[in-house]
Amino acid sequence: MTTVPEASLSVSDDPLSIAVEATRLLGRWSLVSQKHEAGCSCCPGLGDVDVADVEKDILADLRARHGGLDAVDGVGNLLKAFVLRGKPGAVTATPVLLSDIDRIIGVLEQMQRGW
């Protein structure tokens, strides 16, 4: 049986800490999506699954758990919005939301490594 990694993220409510963590997660997400587009092994048996479809599923999961994400159109854009740190129109990040994103990216990273 495969286990899902627990989030190891520890971020404070400090806006700068959140922005730094969002930047780190954006880098990880960029690598995951680049590998996916290049033909990784994260979706065995499912054929070609576009990264946009993966993002839609991730965002649907995040929207179900957290409010205020309706206008977000991609994981990368969501993380970029967190880096804006309160600029007009920016989405508010919380440590719990960042932890959920960290966990999801971690699962995708494991899948890409072949579990």
Protein backbone atom coordinates (compact mmCIF):
# COMPACT_ATOMS: atom_id res chain seq x y z
CA MET A 1 0.00 0.00 0.00
CA THR A 2 1.29 3.44 -0.93
CA THR A 3 1.22 6.14 1.71
CA VAL A 4 0.69 9.81 1.10
CA PRO A 5 3.38 11.95 2.69
CA GLU A 6 2.38 14.18 5.53
CA ALA A 7 2.98 17.85 4.93
CA SER A 8 6.24 18.88 6.50
CA LEU A 9 5.59 22.56 6.08
CA SER A 10 5.92 24.93 8.99
CA VAL A 11 5.04 28.49 8.00
CA SER A 12 3.99 31.34 10.24
CA ASP A 13 1.22 33.83 9.49
CA ASP A 14 3.87 36.44 8.74
CA PRO A 15 3.25 37.81 5.20
CA LEU A 16 6.94 37.64 4.28
CA SER A 17 7.20 34.03 5.48
CA ILE A 18 4.12 33.15 3.42
CA ALA A 19 5.55 34.89 0.33
CA VAL A 20 8.87 33.06 0.68
CA GLU A 21 7.12 29.70 1.06
CA ALA A 22 4.86 30.46 -1.90
CA THR A 23 7.96 31.21 -3.97
CA ARG A 24 9.52 27.87 -2.94
CA LEU A 25 6.31 26.01 -3.80
CA LEU A 26 6.11 27.83 -7.14
CA GLY A 27 9.57 26.51 -8.02
CA ARG A 28 8.56 22.96 -7.11
CA TRP A 29 5.30 23.28 -9.03
CA SER A 30 7.18 24.57 -12.09
CA LEU A 31 9.45 21.51 -12.03
CA VAL A 32 6.51 19.11 -11.61
CA SER A 33 4.55 20.67 -14.46
CA GLN A 34 7.61 20.77 -16.75
CA LYS A 35 8.31 17.09 -16.11
CA HIS A 36 4.65 16.27 -16.68
CA GLU A 37 4.58 18.05 -20.01
CA ALA A 38 7.77 16.23 -21.02
CA GLY A 39 6.06 12.86 -20.46
CA CYS A 40 6.65 11.75 -16.88
CA SER A 41 5.30 8.54 -15.39
CA CYS A 42 2.87 10.11 -12.91
CA CYS A 43 -0.30 8.95 -14.66
CA PRO A 44 0.33 5.31 -15.58
CA GLY A 45 -2.53 3.69 -17.43
CA LEU A 46 -4.33 6.98 -17.97
CA GLY A 47 -2.73 7.86 -21.29
CA ASP A 48 -1.77 11.43 -21.98
CA VAL A 49 -3.14 13.61 -19.22
CA ASP A 50 -2.60 17.30 -19.82
CA VAL A 51 -1.11 19.32 -16.96
CA ALA A 52 -4.10 21.69 -17.27
CA ASP A 53 -6.39 18.79 -16.35
CA VAL A 54 -4.19 17.98 -13.36
CA GLU A 55 -4.37 21.65 -12.31
CA LYS A 56 -8.17 21.67 -12.58
CA ASP A 57 -8.35 18.69 -10.23
CA ILE A 58 -5.91 20.28 -7.79
CA LEU A 59 -7.80 23.57 -7.79
CA ALA A 60 -11.13 21.78 -7.32
CA ASP A 61 -9.68 20.03 -4.27
CA LEU A 62 -8.28 23.28 -2.87
CA ARG A 63 -11.57 25.13 -3.50
CA ALA A 64 -13.45 22.43 -1.60
CA ARG A 65 -11.15 22.91 1.40
CA HIS A 66 -10.53 26.67 1.28
CA GLY A 67 -12.60 29.69 0.28
CA GLY A 68 -11.71 32.61 -1.96
CA LEU A 69 -10.10 30.64 -4.79
CA ASP A 70 -12.91 30.84 -7.34
CA ALA A 71 -11.15 33.32 -9.64
CA VAL A 72 -7.84 31.42 -9.70
CA ASP A 73 -7.10 29.71 -13.02
CA GLY A 74 -3.94 27.72 -12.29
CA VAL A 75 -1.68 26.47 -9.52
CA GLY A 76 1.21 28.63 -10.72
CA ASN A 77 -1.03 31.69 -10.84
CA LEU A 78 -2.33 30.93 -7.36
CA LEU A 79 1.19 30.75 -5.95
CA LYS A 80 2.19 33.93 -7.80
CA ALA A 81 -0.81 35.67 -6.23
CA PHE A 82 0.47 34.66 -2.79
CA VAL A 83 3.79 36.28 -3.56
CA LEU A 84 1.97 39.58 -4.22
CA ARG A 85 1.42 39.80 -0.45
CA GLY A 86 -1.75 41.84 -0.16
CA LYS A 87 -1.53 43.90 -3.32
CA PRO A 88 -4.96 44.77 -4.77
CA GLY A 89 -6.65 41.66 -6.12
CA ALA A 90 -4.22 39.30 -4.41
CA VAL A 91 -5.50 36.02 -2.99
CA THR A 92 -4.94 35.55 0.72
CA ALA A 93 -2.71 32.64 1.64
CA THR A 94 -2.78 30.85 4.96
CA PRO A 95 -0.29 28.38 6.40
CA VAL A 96 -2.95 25.65 6.13
CA LEU A 97 -3.54 26.36 2.44
CA LEU A 98 0.19 26.39 1.73
CA SER A 99 0.53 23.13 3.64
CA ASP A 100 -2.18 21.56 1.46
CA ILE A 101 -0.39 22.73 -1.69
CA ASP A 102 2.90 21.39 -0.33
CA ARG A 103 1.26 18.00 0.27
CA ILE A 104 -0.27 17.87 -3.22
CA ILE A 105 3.00 18.80 -4.91
CA GLY A 106 4.77 16.20 -2.78
CA VAL A 107 2.39 13.48 -3.98
CA LEU A 108 2.97 14.50 -7.61
CA GLU A 109 6.74 14.50 -7.06
CA GLN A 110 6.53 10.97 -5.64
CA MET A 111 4.41 9.83 -8.56
CA GLN A 112 6.94 11.25 -11.00
CA ARG A 113 9.70 9.33 -9.25
CA GLY A 114 7.66 6.17 -9.71
CA TRP A 115 6.57 5.95 -6.07
